[in-house]
Protein backbone atom coordinates (compact mmCIF):
# COMPACT_ATOMS: atom_id res chain seq x y z
CA UNK A 1 26.33 11.00 22.09
CA UNK A 2 26.31 9.09 25.53
CA UNK A 3 29.62 8.45 27.03
CA UNK A 4 29.87 5.09 26.16
CA UNK A 5 29.77 6.25 22.28
CA UNK A 6 26.61 4.71 21.79
CA UNK A 7 23.94 7.40 21.40
CA UNK A 8 20.26 6.16 22.69
CA UNK A 9 16.99 6.98 21.52
CA UNK A 10 15.74 9.68 23.36
CA UNK A 11 19.42 11.56 22.49
CA UNK A 12 19.57 11.26 18.94
CA UNK A 13 15.89 12.50 18.49
CA UNK A 14 17.29 15.36 20.68
CA UNK A 15 19.74 15.79 18.31
CA UNK A 16 17.70 16.08 15.54
CA UNK A 17 15.73 18.59 17.17
CA UNK A 18 18.79 20.73 16.73
CA UNK A 19 18.88 20.63 13.17
CA UNK A 20 15.72 21.96 13.03
CA UNK A 21 15.49 24.64 9.76
CA UNK A 22 18.38 22.78 8.26
CA UNK A 23 18.00 23.76 4.17
CA UNK A 24 19.66 20.97 1.10
CA UNK A 25 19.75 22.48 -2.35
CA UNK A 26 19.85 20.15 -5.22
CA UNK A 27 22.07 17.33 -3.30
CA UNK A 28 22.05 16.07 0.17
CA UNK A 29 25.42 15.94 2.00
CA UNK A 30 27.53 13.05 2.38
CA UNK A 31 26.49 12.52 5.98
CA UNK A 32 24.48 9.68 5.41
CA UNK A 33 26.61 8.14 2.35
CA UNK A 34 29.64 9.02 3.87
CA UNK A 35 32.52 11.06 2.80
CA UNK A 36 33.95 8.69 0.34
CA UNK A 37 30.56 8.36 -1.30
CA UNK A 38 31.01 9.96 -5.12
CA UNK A 39 28.99 13.07 -5.49
CA UNK A 40 27.09 14.38 -6.45
CA UNK A 41 24.46 13.17 -3.80
CA UNK A 42 20.94 13.36 -5.76
CA UNK A 43 18.28 11.07 -5.20
CA UNK A 44 17.79 9.80 -8.91
CA UNK A 45 17.25 12.12 -11.56
CA UNK A 46 17.72 15.61 -12.17
CA UNK A 47 15.13 16.15 -15.49
CA UNK A 48 12.74 14.78 -17.26
CA UNK A 49 13.37 12.69 -20.09
CA UNK A 50 11.79 10.27 -22.46
CA UNK A 51 13.64 7.35 -21.30
CA UNK A 52 12.64 8.46 -17.11
CA UNK A 53 9.35 9.02 -17.97
CA UNK A 54 9.05 5.92 -19.70
CA UNK A 55 10.98 3.66 -16.90
CA UNK A 56 8.26 5.55 -14.41
CA UNK A 57 5.47 4.96 -16.43
CA UNK A 58 6.67 1.32 -17.22
CA UNK A 59 6.81 0.61 -12.98
CA UNK A 60 3.42 1.99 -12.68
CA UNK A 61 1.90 -0.11 -15.64
CA UNK A 62 0.25 3.21 -16.59
CA UNK A 63 -0.74 2.72 -20.25
CA UNK A 64 -1.08 6.73 -20.80
CA UNK A 65 -0.70 7.39 -24.05
CA UNK A 66 0.36 11.62 -22.86
CA UNK A 67 3.48 9.94 -21.20
CA UNK A 68 4.37 7.43 -23.80
CA UNK A 69 3.37 8.31 -27.37
CA UNK A 70 5.25 12.06 -28.43
CA UNK A 71 2.86 11.56 -31.22
CA UNK A 72 -0.03 11.94 -29.37
CA UNK A 73 1.37 14.31 -26.87
CA UNK A 74 2.62 16.69 -30.05
CA UNK A 75 -1.29 16.84 -30.96
CA UNK A 76 -2.52 17.78 -27.29
CA UNK A 77 -2.31 21.27 -25.90
CA UNK A 78 1.26 20.86 -24.31
CA UNK A 79 2.73 19.98 -27.67
CA UNK A 80 4.97 17.25 -25.68
CA UNK A 81 5.51 14.48 -23.77
CA UNK A 82 3.64 15.13 -20.13
CA UNK A 83 5.37 13.11 -16.80
CA UNK A 84 3.09 11.75 -14.40
CA UNK A 85 2.80 14.85 -11.57
CA UNK A 86 4.52 12.20 -8.76
CA UNK A 87 7.62 12.09 -11.12
CA UNK A 88 9.06 14.38 -8.61
CA UNK A 89 9.47 11.49 -6.54
CA UNK A 90 12.45 10.25 -8.49
CA UNK A 91 13.68 13.94 -7.96
CA UNK A 92 13.72 14.42 -4.21
CA UNK A 93 12.47 12.05 -1.19
CA UNK A 94 12.97 11.98 2.59
CA UNK A 95 16.12 11.02 3.57
CA UNK A 96 17.77 10.69 6.94
CA UNK A 97 18.32 14.56 8.05
CA UNK A 98 21.62 14.97 9.14
CA UNK A 99 22.71 15.07 13.16
CA UNK A 100 25.20 17.49 14.31
CA UNK A 101 28.32 15.32 14.10
CA UNK A 102 27.55 11.27 13.60
CA UNK A 103 25.33 9.31 10.56
CA UNK A 104 22.12 8.03 11.30
CA UNK A 105 22.66 4.90 13.85
CA UNK A 106 21.37 1.70 11.78
CA UNK A 107 19.38 0.76 14.93
CA UNK A 108 16.99 3.91 14.41
CA UNK A 109 15.38 3.21 11.02
CA UNK A 110 12.33 5.51 9.62
CA UNK A 111 9.29 4.53 7.66
CA UNK A 112 7.85 6.86 4.99
CA UNK A 113 4.30 7.74 6.75
CA UNK A 114 2.93 10.45 3.93
CA UNK A 115 3.25 13.52 2.17
CA UNK A 116 1.13 16.60 0.77
CA UNK A 117 1.58 17.44 -2.82
CA UNK A 118 0.88 20.74 -4.69
CA UNK A 119 1.47 20.74 -8.07
CA UNK A 120 1.21 24.56 -9.69
CA UNK A 121 1.79 23.38 -13.69
CA UNK A 122 2.52 20.58 -15.77
CA UNK A 123 6.01 18.71 -16.03
CA UNK A 124 7.20 18.00 -19.50
CA UNK A 125 10.15 16.41 -21.68
CA UNK A 126 12.84 18.80 -21.13
CA UNK A 127 12.39 20.39 -17.60
CA UNK A 128 15.80 20.21 -15.74
CA UNK A 129 14.26 20.42 -11.96
CA UNK A 130 15.59 22.54 -9.09
CA UNK A 131 14.95 21.34 -5.24
CA UNK A 132 15.04 22.64 -2.15
CA UNK A 133 14.51 20.87 0.71
CA UNK A 134 14.18 21.96 5.08
CA UNK A 135 14.46 18.64 6.61
CA UNK A 136 13.17 18.56 9.42
CA UNK A 137 10.89 21.58 9.63
CA UNK A 138 9.82 20.05 13.07
CA UNK A 139 10.31 16.54 15.26
CA UNK A 140 7.55 15.15 17.25
CA UNK A 141 6.63 12.23 19.58
CA UNK A 142 3.29 11.34 19.35
CA UNK A 143 0.69 8.51 20.40
CA UNK A 144 -0.54 6.70 17.08
CA UNK A 145 -3.30 4.30 16.72
CA UNK A 146 -1.20 1.88 14.59
CA UNK A 147 2.44 1.88 15.85
CA UNK A 148 2.12 3.23 19.57
CA UNK A 149 4.10 6.18 20.72
CA UNK A 150 6.22 7.23 17.52
CA UNK A 151 8.70 9.85 16.59
CA UNK A 152 7.72 11.85 13.12
CA UNK A 153 9.75 13.92 11.49
CA UNK A 154 8.88 16.52 8.86
CA UNK A 155 10.12 18.28 6.17
CA UNK A 156 9.17 20.78 2.99
CA UNK A 157 10.20 19.84 -0.61
CA UNK A 158 10.23 23.10 -3.03
CA UNK A 159 10.42 22.01 -6.89
CA UNK A 160 11.11 24.95 -9.60
CA UNK A 161 12.08 24.54 -12.96
CA UNK A 162 15.49 25.37 -13.80
CA UNK A 163 14.79 27.42 -16.64
CA UNK A 164 13.83 30.45 -15.35
CA UNK A 165 13.02 29.16 -11.98
CA UNK A 166 9.21 28.63 -12.65
CA UNK A 167 7.93 26.98 -9.68
CA UNK A 168 6.43 23.69 -10.19
CA UNK A 169 5.55 21.94 -7.08
CA UNK A 170 5.99 21.53 -3.35
CA UNK A 171 5.63 18.38 -0.92
CA UNK A 172 5.12 19.09 2.92
CA UNK A 173 5.96 14.86 4.11
CA UNK A 174 6.82 12.91 7.01
CA UNK A 175 8.14 10.30 8.70
CA UNK A 176 8.18 8.07 11.74
CA UNK A 177 11.66 7.64 13.28
CA UNK A 178 11.90 3.84 15.56
CA UNK A 179 13.89 2.21 17.76
CA UNK A 180 14.36 -1.17 16.27
CA UNK A 181 14.99 -2.54 20.04
CA UNK A 182 11.30 -1.40 21.21
CA UNK A 183 9.12 -0.92 18.16
CA UNK A 184 6.43 -2.75 17.51
CA UNK A 185 4.86 -1.85 14.48
CA UNK A 186 1.07 -3.18 15.28
CA UNK A 187 -0.28 -2.97 19.14
CA UNK A 188 -2.27 -5.51 20.53
CA UNK A 189 -5.31 -5.27 18.62
CA UNK A 190 -3.56 -5.55 15.18
CA UNK A 191 -1.59 -8.64 15.86
CA UNK A 192 -3.94 -10.76 13.86
CA UNK A 193 -3.33 -8.70 10.40
CA UNK A 194 0.29 -9.09 11.81
CA UNK A 195 -0.65 -12.69 11.68
CA UNK A 196 -1.92 -13.03 8.26
CA UNK A 197 1.07 -11.53 7.06
CA UNK A 198 3.72 -13.97 8.22
CA UNK A 199 2.80 -15.76 5.06
CA UNK A 200 1.68 -15.37 1.64
CA UNK A 201 -1.84 -15.16 1.17
CA UNK A 202 -3.58 -18.05 -0.93
CA UNK A 203 -5.40 -16.16 -3.63
CA UNK A 204 -8.37 -18.44 -5.92
CA UNK A 205 -8.16 -18.14 -9.64
CA UNK A 206 -11.47 -16.79 -9.61
CA UNK A 207 -10.29 -14.00 -7.52
CA UNK A 208 -7.25 -13.36 -9.87
CA UNK A 209 -9.57 -13.53 -12.77
CA UNK A 210 -11.21 -10.83 -10.76
CA UNK A 211 -8.33 -8.68 -10.76
CA UNK A 212 -7.22 -9.38 -13.74
CA UNK A 213 -10.88 -8.03 -14.99
CA UNK A 214 -9.97 -4.36 -12.97
CA UNK A 215 -7.22 -4.09 -14.72
CA UNK A 216 -8.61 -4.05 -18.18
CA UNK A 217 -10.94 -1.73 -16.72
CA UNK A 218 -8.80 0.53 -16.29
CA UNK A 219 -9.36 2.91 -19.13
CA UNK A 220 -7.49 6.52 -20.05
CA UNK A 221 -10.05 9.39 -20.67
CA UNK A 222 -7.44 11.00 -22.89
CA UNK A 223 -8.39 13.22 -25.45
CA UNK A 224 -12.06 13.18 -24.65
CA UNK A 225 -12.78 16.50 -21.76
CA UNK A 226 -14.39 16.21 -18.67
CA UNK A 227 -15.76 18.94 -17.91
CA UNK A 228 -16.95 20.03 -14.47
CA UNK A 229 -20.42 20.51 -15.18
CA UNK A 230 -20.26 16.38 -15.84
CA UNK A 231 -19.12 15.43 -12.53
CA UNK A 232 -21.31 14.23 -9.63
CA UNK A 233 -20.70 14.25 -6.29
CA UNK A 234 -20.56 10.59 -4.57
CA UNK A 235 -19.50 9.66 -8.42
CA UNK A 236 -16.78 6.54 -8.51
CA UNK A 237 -13.45 6.63 -10.35
CA UNK A 238 -12.81 3.76 -12.03
CA UNK A 239 -10.34 1.57 -9.70
CA UNK A 240 -6.37 0.85 -10.33
CA UNK A 241 -5.58 -2.59 -8.96
CA UNK A 242 -2.06 -3.86 -8.70
CA UNK A 243 -0.73 -7.45 -7.51
CA UNK A 244 -0.19 -10.75 -6.12
CA UNK A 245 2.69 -7.76 -4.97
CA UNK A 246 6.29 -9.63 -6.33
CA UNK A 247 9.45 -8.90 -5.93
CA UNK A 248 9.28 -7.94 -9.79
CA UNK A 249 7.10 -5.17 -8.93
CA UNK A 250 9.51 -4.27 -6.11
CA UNK A 251 12.33 -4.02 -8.28
CA UNK A 252 10.45 -2.39 -10.91
CA UNK A 253 9.41 0.79 -9.02
CA UNK A 254 12.88 0.39 -7.64
CA UNK A 255 14.92 1.01 -10.84
CA UNK A 256 12.14 3.72 -12.06
CA UNK A 257 12.38 5.88 -8.89
CA UNK A 258 15.48 4.30 -6.90
CA UNK A 259 17.49 6.62 -4.68
CA UNK A 260 21.12 6.64 -4.71
CA UNK A 261 21.73 3.99 -1.80
CA UNK A 262 20.22 2.01 -4.53
CA UNK A 263 23.62 1.13 -5.87
CA UNK A 264 26.40 -1.19 -6.36
CA UNK A 265 27.90 -3.42 -3.89
CA UNK A 266 30.94 -1.75 -4.55
CA UNK A 267 29.47 1.90 -3.41
CA UNK A 268 27.61 0.34 -1.05
CA UNK A 269 30.60 -0.65 0.96
CA UNK A 270 30.80 3.64 1.67
CA UNK A 271 27.41 3.56 2.87
CA UNK A 272 28.20 0.59 5.49
CA UNK A 273 31.56 1.67 6.58
CA UNK A 274 29.88 4.98 7.48
CA UNK A 275 26.53 3.77 8.58
CA UNK A 276 26.96 0.44 10.28
CA UNK A 277 23.55 -0.03 7.60
CA UNK A 278 23.47 -3.26 5.83
CA UNK A 279 22.97 -7.83 6.77
CA UNK A 280 25.77 -9.50 6.98
CA UNK A 281 25.69 -12.93 5.13
CA UNK A 282 26.72 -15.33 7.26
CA UNK A 283 28.23 -17.39 3.96
CA UNK A 284 29.16 -14.73 1.62
CA UNK A 285 30.81 -13.15 4.69
CA UNK A 286 29.87 -9.43 3.55
CA UNK A 287 27.36 -7.04 4.27
CA UNK A 288 23.93 -6.11 1.67
CA UNK A 289 21.85 -3.60 1.06
CA UNK A 290 19.49 -5.63 2.84
CA UNK A 291 18.66 -3.57 6.18
CA UNK A 292 15.93 -4.25 9.05
CA UNK A 293 13.30 -5.79 6.69
CA UNK A 294 13.19 -3.21 4.29
CA UNK A 295 14.56 -4.90 1.22
CA UNK A 296 13.29 -8.80 2.45
CA UNK A 297 11.38 -10.26 0.11
CA UNK A 298 9.79 -12.79 2.17
CA UNK A 299 6.20 -12.56 3.20
CA UNK A 300 7.41 -11.00 6.56
CA UNK A 301 9.05 -8.27 4.36
CA UNK A 302 7.80 -4.81 3.85
CA UNK A 303 6.35 -5.63 0.35
CA UNK A 304 6.56 -2.61 -1.33
CA UNK A 305 6.96 1.44 -1.13
CA UNK A 306 4.58 4.05 -0.17
CA UNK A 307 5.37 6.43 -2.88
CA UNK A 308 4.86 3.84 -5.49
CA UNK A 309 0.86 3.22 -3.61
CA UNK A 310 0.68 6.95 -4.06
CA UNK A 311 1.85 6.46 -8.08
CA UNK A 312 -1.16 4.68 -8.53
CA UNK A 313 -3.41 7.10 -6.50
CA UNK A 314 -2.06 9.14 -9.29
CA UNK A 315 -3.18 7.24 -11.99
CA UNK A 316 -6.85 6.88 -10.40
CA UNK A 317 -7.22 10.44 -10.96
CA UNK A 318 -5.18 11.16 -14.33
CA UNK A 319 -6.37 8.45 -15.72
CA UNK A 320 -10.53 9.79 -14.52
CA UNK A 321 -9.74 13.72 -15.39
CA UNK A 322 -8.39 13.35 -18.67
CA UNK A 323 -5.56 15.62 -20.76
CA UNK A 324 -7.46 18.59 -20.09
CA UNK A 325 -7.19 18.24 -16.23
CA UNK A 326 -4.97 19.01 -13.90
CA UNK A 327 -3.99 17.47 -10.71
CA UNK A 328 -4.04 20.38 -8.45
CA UNK A 329 -3.61 18.48 -4.51
CA UNK A 330 -2.69 14.74 -3.51
CA UNK A 331 -2.05 13.91 0.04
CA UNK A 332 -1.27 10.13 1.16
CA UNK A 333 -1.48 9.10 5.09
CA UNK A 334 0.35 5.59 5.22
CA UNK A 335 -1.79 3.48 7.30
CA UNK A 336 0.40 -0.15 7.37
CA UNK A 337 2.91 -1.43 4.92
CA UNK A 338 1.93 -3.20 1.81
CA UNK A 339 3.00 -7.25 1.59
CA UNK A 340 4.17 -9.73 -1.12
CA UNK A 341 1.77 -11.66 -1.90
CA UNK A 342 -0.87 -8.83 -1.05
CA UNK A 343 -3.50 -7.26 -3.77
CA UNK A 344 -4.21 -3.33 -3.84
CA UNK A 345 -7.37 -1.63 -4.86
CA UNK A 346 -6.62 2.04 -5.44
CA UNK A 347 -10.25 3.61 -5.30
CA UNK A 348 -11.36 7.22 -5.18
CA UNK A 349 -14.68 8.69 -5.09
CA UNK A 350 -15.70 12.79 -5.87
CA UNK A 351 -16.84 14.32 -2.39
CA UNK A 352 -17.20 17.63 -3.40
CA UNK A 353 -17.41 20.44 -6.79
CA UNK A 354 -17.31 23.90 -6.53
CA UNK A 355 -15.80 27.15 -8.38
CA UNK A 356 -12.51 28.76 -6.95
CA UNK A 357 -11.76 32.24 -8.18
CA UNK A 358 -12.24 31.11 -11.46
CA UNK A 359 -11.18 27.60 -11.17
CA UNK A 360 -13.33 24.91 -11.38
CA UNK A 361 -12.37 22.14 -8.56
CA UNK A 362 -13.29 18.36 -7.31
CA UNK A 363 -12.58 17.27 -4.38
CA UNK A 364 -11.83 13.39 -4.00
CA UNK A 365 -11.65 11.11 -1.29
CA UNK A 366 -9.04 8.48 -2.19
CA UNK A 367 -8.00 5.05 -0.69
CA UNK A 368 -5.82 2.10 -1.34
CA UNK A 369 -7.48 -1.37 0.29
CA UNK A 370 -5.73 -4.81 0.11
CA UNK A 371 -7.72 -8.29 -0.41
CA UNK A 372 -8.99 -8.53 2.94
CA UNK A 373 -10.56 -4.48 2.77
CA UNK A 374 -8.25 -3.59 5.14
CA UNK A 375 -7.16 -0.11 4.21
CA UNK A 376 -3.44 0.65 4.25
CA UNK A 377 -3.88 3.83 2.76
CA UNK A 378 -6.12 7.21 3.00
CA UNK A 379 -5.63 10.23 1.05
CA UNK A 380 -7.34 13.28 -0.84
CA UNK A 381 -6.90 15.23 -3.92
CA UNK A 382 -8.27 17.81 -5.94
CA UNK A 383 -8.55 18.09 -9.18
CA UNK A 384 -9.28 21.11 -11.99
CA UNK A 385 -11.69 20.37 -14.59
CA UNK A 386 -12.16 22.68 -17.66
CA UNK A 387 -15.67 23.81 -17.62
CA UNK A 388 -18.12 24.15 -20.93
CA UNK A 389 -19.11 27.57 -19.60
CA UNK A 390 -15.98 29.20 -18.64
CA UNK A 391 -13.00 27.47 -20.73
CA UNK A 392 -9.79 25.44 -19.83
CA UNK A 393 -8.33 25.32 -16.52
CA UNK A 394 -6.55 28.29 -15.23
CA UNK A 395 -3.62 26.97 -13.54
CA UNK A 396 -3.03 27.53 -9.81
CA UNK A 397 -0.32 30.60 -8.66
CA UNK A 398 2.46 29.79 -5.95
CA UNK A 399 1.49 30.84 -2.29
CA UNK A 400 4.41 33.70 -1.10
CA UNK A 401 6.94 31.99 1.21
CA UNK A 402 6.30 32.23 5.01
């Protein structure tokens, strides 16, 4: 920290580098929430229950009976309710890594920029999940097309089933750290996009009918197997469409997948007193948990959550693959913010199919675009499908730790 007591952005980045390799296990420490914040400090869930699954799929608008209907699920090969793979967002999501001697300065917030999941087995009702997070694994400053010069923090989650320690998944993730006094989210050539988001988009009644028609086509394949042999390269998956994005949609996600700082104002006082986070309300004379526009519900607000949009892509894939398929890998790169009033079209197309060590794989390109066709998320996935000739899916084995 500098002599004046105020850390500079450059110094903060250098201090974060000193913490590379720090490990958290089943709980974040009190650095961000403050020593008075009640323990344990976890993201949201520690167990997968019927209720946590329901709240999550309700927030996604996911109608898959494998996640909702116990009687249906009992008749599948799983014999119980299954959770969407991305329910792990509710177990551990990126937080600020802990610098050595002080909490994260409020003027240096982060944006969740992307992640790469790999799953090893289905996640089911009754699973108690342990997690280990190494964060940061690296800190890099580099030039980007959409954000100019930015500092990226990288980390890794490792999830396992508490019952027996069976590995469930890994997630490599990255966030962008920026200085609010200097950061311009859009370079000059993207200012037109920024100006469009100064006000809510105007949709026609005809366009909303198109959106609703697309939603009504979101069919869940369910019990009918999709065999690897029947898949064609270039085949388009049925899109998942959400929007116009509203406060209700945002709050639904917070309720289902919320992190520990989505809490009562009574508890947020601890966070504010320790970190300085929050926006001062001149009439109420208190600091509220509305920081740097992140929870600003105006047109200029962020308008959505990166993990929420990835979860919609998860729906595209799991709707398509059916009960017998398995989502092995999913990578998301968030290119820009969402935006209230926008409509999000979550799309995917088969890029490749191949056999790998007895597993029958389909690589899929996926993305999310808004009503203007502007791509706000780029991604890729690998799905395992049953084979007519060779039988059911063989789940992947975790690779040995390096």
